[in-house]
Structures are given as C-alpha cells and as structure tokens.
C-alpha cells in the first residue's frame, strides 16, 4: 500500500492500477498493527476510480462481494465477515483495508494462500484463528494469476454498480455473509460488549442485529462468533 501511494504521487498509478508485493517486512493490519508477510500469499493494493467514492459507506462490502465472487469462480468458497474479513468456517483467510487520501482511495487485499500468521501474532482478543487456502485443498493458486483475476472482477463489479443497485446487492450478499443467523459478541466502542443475533445487512451496508432491546443497525463495530469464544 505504501508503494501504491508512492506511485500515485509520481503519477505512475492510474485508476484501477495495482501493486502486488511478493512479500512484506513492514506490512500493517487493522489499527496499524505490524504484520509479517512471507512469500506465497496475496498482498495487493489497487487504486479505485473516483466513481467508487460514491459508494463510500458500502465500499468494503462491495469489494468483499467481488472477492467472494471471484474466489467462487476458482472453486474457493469463502464468506464475508462484516465488514471486511474473508473467512472459511470459523477461520480468517483474508482481509480488506481501504485508505483514503486527498480524494483518492486505495483498497488493500490480503489473502492467505500458502501460509497464515501463527496464533501468537494475532490480536489477543481476536476470536478467529487464521488459516490458509492450501491447508483446505486449494494449493494450486498462484499469487499473480489470482491477483489479476481478483482485480478484473472487482473492476467489473464496481463499474456496473449504481447507487440504486445497492439495496438489492446488499440483499444478495446475505447468502455470503458469515455467521448470518448466529449469535455474536458485538463491540461497538460506544457500549459495553453485548450479544446479538445477526439478521443481515441494511440497504446502506450496516449490520442488522437482534438484541435484547430489539432490532438495531450498527455501522462501526467488531463482531466475534459466540462459538469461538466458548
């Protein structure tokens, strides 16, 4: 992602242009955490077009939908853990990180193809263990060809989505939503952690929850499946 921003400043990265790193020694994850990135996985960043800014609130979910669709075309079934993680079962295999500077947006994509972080490198409160696709029978995927496929799919989907399409797309995404219908622990940074049932997505990308007080929609929160906490 740092290289992508560097190339952008030098006018070397057009819209839809992308950077794929073979490995990283100073990668970063959520909240800027340092992330070791050995060779063999996807560490990519692509510059989004200015039109993508119109779907800012739903952008992580749109990219997630594109990734789920692209991987599905390769025979890999993953689900989207709201709002920006890719999971198989109860294990995380990838994630999305979006950065904006001066009206330009970059979307970073990390996918564990051949290796995954050891447990001691994960957040202490992270309820999901990490996994890689090779360990679940998908060892034939190479970073560069797969990245090209992912970029093409993201571009094709974002190029065709309009604001009026978002409610229907959010409804379609329900079948790809991890832990839909399950109880989860919710940390929304405004209240003490609480339990809720995931009902689905709102038309603007929020997470619909059933709590003890009734139905609510959260826009910013971390969710942890109860099954992983017990």
Protein backbone atom coordinates (compact mmCIF):
# COMPACT_ATOMS: atom_id res chain seq x y z
CA UNK A 1 0.00 0.00 0.00
CA UNK A 2 2.89 2.37 0.73
CA UNK A 3 4.29 1.65 -2.74
CA UNK A 4 0.89 2.28 -4.30
CA UNK A 5 0.71 5.71 -2.66
CA UNK A 6 4.29 6.42 -3.74
CA UNK A 7 3.49 5.52 -7.35
CA UNK A 8 0.35 7.65 -7.19
CA UNK A 9 2.31 10.69 -6.03
CA UNK A 10 4.61 10.19 -9.01
CA UNK A 11 1.61 9.88 -11.37
CA UNK A 12 2.58 6.28 -12.12
CA UNK A 13 -0.56 4.55 -10.85
CA UNK A 14 -3.72 5.20 -12.90
CA UNK A 15 -7.22 4.34 -11.76
CA UNK A 16 -7.55 0.54 -11.49
CA UNK A 17 -3.76 0.29 -11.47
CA UNK A 18 -2.42 -2.08 -8.84
CA UNK A 19 0.66 -3.23 -6.95
CA UNK A 20 1.30 -6.81 -5.88
CA UNK A 21 4.07 -7.48 -3.36
CA UNK A 22 5.82 -10.84 -3.29
CA UNK A 23 6.42 -10.41 0.44
CA UNK A 24 6.45 -7.64 3.05
CA UNK A 25 8.64 -6.95 6.04
CA UNK A 26 6.76 -3.89 7.29
CA UNK A 27 3.18 -4.72 6.48
CA UNK A 28 0.30 -3.47 8.58
CA UNK A 29 -3.08 -4.76 9.53
CA UNK A 30 -6.06 -3.36 11.38
CA UNK A 31 -5.29 -0.33 13.57
CA UNK A 32 -1.79 -0.17 12.08
CA UNK A 33 -0.56 -3.40 13.67
CA UNK A 34 2.71 -4.69 12.25
CA UNK A 35 2.19 -7.70 10.02
CA UNK A 36 4.78 -10.21 8.77
CA UNK A 37 4.05 -11.28 5.22
CA UNK A 38 6.04 -14.22 3.82
CA UNK A 39 6.12 -15.03 0.11
CA UNK A 40 3.34 -17.10 -1.41
CA UNK A 41 0.28 -15.10 -0.37
CA UNK A 42 -1.68 -12.21 -1.90
CA UNK A 43 -0.53 -8.75 -0.73
CA UNK A 44 -2.10 -6.39 -3.22
CA UNK A 45 -3.29 -2.80 -3.46
CA UNK A 46 -5.32 -1.25 -6.24
CA UNK A 47 -6.31 2.34 -6.89
CA UNK A 48 -10.04 2.79 -7.14
CA UNK A 49 -11.65 5.20 -9.60
CA UNK A 50 -13.19 8.43 -8.36
CA UNK A 51 -16.63 6.99 -9.08
CA UNK A 52 -16.08 4.48 -6.26
CA UNK A 53 -16.26 7.35 -3.78
CA UNK A 54 -19.99 7.47 -4.39
CA UNK A 55 -20.35 4.10 -2.65
CA UNK A 56 -18.07 5.04 0.25
CA UNK A 57 -20.25 3.59 3.01
CA UNK A 58 -20.68 0.26 1.23
CA UNK A 59 -17.25 0.10 -0.37
CA UNK A 60 -15.71 -2.61 1.89
CA UNK A 61 -18.79 -4.77 1.33
CA UNK A 62 -18.75 -4.20 -2.43
CA UNK A 63 -15.10 -5.20 -2.60
CA UNK A 64 -15.85 -8.14 -0.33
CA UNK A 65 -18.69 -9.23 -2.59
CA UNK A 66 -16.37 -9.02 -5.59
CA UNK A 67 -13.71 -11.10 -3.83
CA UNK A 68 -16.22 -13.74 -2.75
CA UNK A 69 -17.49 -13.88 -6.34
CA UNK A 70 -14.00 -14.05 -7.84
CA UNK A 71 -12.81 -16.78 -5.48
CA UNK A 72 -16.03 -18.71 -6.04
CA UNK A 73 -15.26 -18.76 -9.76
CA UNK A 74 -11.99 -20.52 -8.84
CA UNK A 75 -13.81 -23.11 -6.77
CA UNK A 76 -12.99 -21.48 -3.42
CA UNK A 77 -15.99 -20.89 -1.18
CA UNK A 78 -15.42 -18.10 1.34
CA UNK A 79 -17.78 -15.84 3.23
CA UNK A 80 -17.58 -12.21 4.22
CA UNK A 81 -17.34 -11.45 7.92
CA UNK A 82 -18.81 -7.97 8.19
CA UNK A 83 -17.42 -5.62 7.24
CA UNK A 84 -14.06 -6.60 5.71
CA UNK A 85 -12.77 -10.10 6.52
CA UNK A 86 -12.83 -13.26 4.41
CA UNK A 87 -13.50 -16.46 6.35
CA UNK A 88 -13.85 -20.18 5.83
CA UNK A 89 -15.80 -21.73 8.67
CA UNK A 90 -14.52 -20.05 11.81
CA UNK A 91 -11.11 -19.15 10.41
CA UNK A 92 -9.92 -15.97 8.72
CA UNK A 93 -8.21 -16.38 5.36
CA UNK A 94 -8.10 -12.79 4.17
CA UNK A 95 -9.00 -9.18 4.72
CA UNK A 96 -9.65 -5.82 3.11
CA UNK A 97 -8.13 -2.47 4.10
CA UNK A 98 -9.25 0.77 2.46
CA UNK A 99 -7.32 4.04 2.75
CA UNK A 100 -8.29 7.49 1.51
CA UNK A 101 -6.02 10.48 0.98
CA UNK A 102 -6.94 13.65 -0.83
CA UNK A 103 -9.96 12.17 -2.54
CA UNK A 104 -8.08 9.08 -3.75
CA UNK A 105 -8.88 5.64 -2.41
CA UNK A 106 -6.71 2.55 -2.33
CA UNK A 107 -8.03 -0.88 -1.47
CA UNK A 108 -5.58 -3.34 0.03
CA UNK A 109 -6.30 -7.06 -0.16
CA UNK A 110 -4.53 -9.78 1.77
CA UNK A 111 -5.32 -13.46 1.23
CA UNK A 112 -3.54 -16.39 2.87
CA UNK A 113 -2.77 -18.78 0.03
CA UNK A 114 0.11 -20.85 1.39
CA UNK A 115 0.68 -19.64 4.95
CA UNK A 116 -1.12 -17.88 7.78
CA UNK A 117 0.03 -15.94 10.85
CA UNK A 118 0.79 -18.00 13.96
CA UNK A 119 -1.65 -17.60 16.82
CA UNK A 120 0.78 -15.58 18.94
CA UNK A 121 0.91 -12.89 16.23
CA UNK A 122 -2.83 -12.33 16.26
CA UNK A 123 -4.69 -9.85 18.44
CA UNK A 124 -5.24 -11.26 21.90
CA UNK A 125 -8.95 -10.52 21.58
CA UNK A 126 -9.25 -11.94 18.09
CA UNK A 127 -11.84 -14.71 18.22
CA UNK A 128 -10.96 -16.09 14.80
CA UNK A 129 -7.94 -18.26 14.17
CA UNK A 130 -6.11 -17.80 10.87
CA UNK A 131 -5.91 -20.35 8.06
CA UNK A 132 -4.59 -20.58 4.51
CA UNK A 133 -6.26 -21.91 1.40
CA UNK A 134 -3.54 -24.52 0.82
CA UNK A 135 -4.49 -26.25 4.06
CA UNK A 136 -8.08 -26.73 2.88
CA UNK A 137 -7.31 -28.22 -0.52
CA UNK A 138 -6.62 -25.14 -2.63
CA UNK A 139 -2.86 -25.36 -3.08
CA UNK A 140 -2.95 -24.73 -6.82
CA UNK A 141 -3.48 -20.96 -6.63
CA UNK A 142 -0.57 -18.67 -7.55
CA UNK A 143 -0.47 -15.05 -6.36
CA UNK A 144 -0.01 -13.22 -9.68
CA UNK A 145 -2.65 -15.02 -11.82
CA UNK A 146 -5.11 -14.93 -8.93
CA UNK A 147 -4.47 -11.23 -8.28
CA UNK A 148 -5.14 -10.42 -11.93
CA UNK A 149 -8.42 -12.32 -11.69
CA UNK A 150 -9.38 -10.51 -8.47
CA UNK A 151 -8.59 -7.07 -9.91
CA UNK A 152 -10.62 -7.79 -13.05
CA UNK A 153 -13.62 -8.99 -11.03
CA UNK A 154 -13.51 -6.02 -8.64
CA UNK A 155 -13.31 -3.64 -11.59
CA UNK A 156 -16.16 -5.32 -13.47
CA UNK A 157 -18.47 -5.29 -10.46
CA UNK A 158 -17.72 -1.76 -9.26
CA UNK A 159 -18.05 -0.44 -12.81
CA UNK A 160 -21.60 -1.75 -13.08
CA UNK A 161 -22.97 -0.94 -9.61
CA UNK A 162 -25.00 2.24 -9.22
CA UNK A 163 -26.46 3.80 -6.09
CA UNK A 164 -29.88 2.40 -6.97
CA UNK A 165 -28.40 -1.12 -7.17
CA UNK A 166 -27.04 -1.09 -3.61
CA UNK A 167 -30.16 -2.28 -1.71
CA UNK A 168 -30.58 -5.30 -4.00
CA UNK A 169 -26.87 -6.09 -3.87
CA UNK A 170 -26.85 -5.90 -0.06
CA UNK A 171 -29.76 -8.35 -0.06
CA UNK A 172 -27.87 -10.73 -2.37
CA UNK A 173 -24.82 -10.50 -0.17
CA UNK A 174 -26.79 -12.03 2.70
CA UNK A 175 -26.13 -15.56 1.42
CA UNK A 176 -22.39 -14.82 1.53
CA UNK A 177 -22.47 -13.23 5.00
CA UNK A 178 -20.54 -15.16 7.64
CA UNK A 179 -22.45 -16.03 10.82
CA UNK A 180 -25.81 -14.83 9.47
CA UNK A 181 -28.48 -16.06 11.86
CA UNK A 182 -25.91 -16.79 14.58
CA UNK A 183 -25.30 -15.16 17.91
CA UNK A 184 -22.22 -12.98 18.09
CA UNK A 185 -20.45 -10.78 20.59
CA UNK A 186 -20.55 -7.15 19.50
CA UNK A 187 -18.08 -4.44 20.45
CA UNK A 188 -19.31 -1.14 19.03
CA UNK A 189 -17.00 1.15 21.03
CA UNK A 190 -19.99 3.09 22.40
CA UNK A 191 -21.43 0.47 24.74
CA UNK A 192 -20.17 -2.44 26.84
CA UNK A 193 -19.82 -5.64 24.76
CA UNK A 194 -23.14 -7.37 24.20
CA UNK A 195 -24.59 -10.41 22.48
CA UNK A 196 -26.82 -10.20 19.43
CA UNK A 197 -28.09 -12.26 16.52
CA UNK A 198 -27.03 -11.26 13.00
CA UNK A 199 -30.13 -10.64 10.88
CA UNK A 200 -28.38 -9.40 7.74
CA UNK A 201 -27.36 -6.15 6.08
CA UNK A 202 -29.20 -2.87 5.83
CA UNK A 203 -29.62 -1.27 2.42
CA UNK A 204 -26.64 1.03 3.09
CA UNK A 205 -24.29 -1.67 4.37
CA UNK A 206 -24.92 -1.54 8.10
CA UNK A 207 -25.18 -4.76 10.10
CA UNK A 208 -28.71 -5.57 11.27
CA UNK A 209 -28.78 -7.14 14.71
CA UNK A 210 -31.41 -8.54 17.03
CA UNK A 211 -30.55 -7.58 20.61
CA UNK A 212 -32.41 -7.94 23.88
CA UNK A 213 -33.80 -4.46 23.28
CA UNK A 214 -34.96 -5.17 19.74
CA UNK A 215 -33.63 -4.69 16.23
CA UNK A 216 -30.77 -2.27 15.62
CA UNK A 217 -28.24 -1.43 12.91
CA UNK A 218 -24.56 -0.83 13.64
CA UNK A 219 -22.22 0.97 11.27
CA UNK A 220 -18.94 0.51 13.11
CA UNK A 221 -18.24 -2.48 15.32
CA UNK A 222 -16.25 -5.68 15.74
CA UNK A 223 -18.12 -8.97 15.88
CA UNK A 224 -16.98 -12.29 17.30
CA UNK A 225 -18.93 -15.53 16.86
CA UNK A 226 -20.01 -16.96 20.19
CA UNK A 227 -18.98 -20.45 19.09
CA UNK A 228 -15.37 -19.27 19.00
CA UNK A 229 -15.50 -17.77 22.47
CA UNK A 230 -16.78 -20.76 24.39
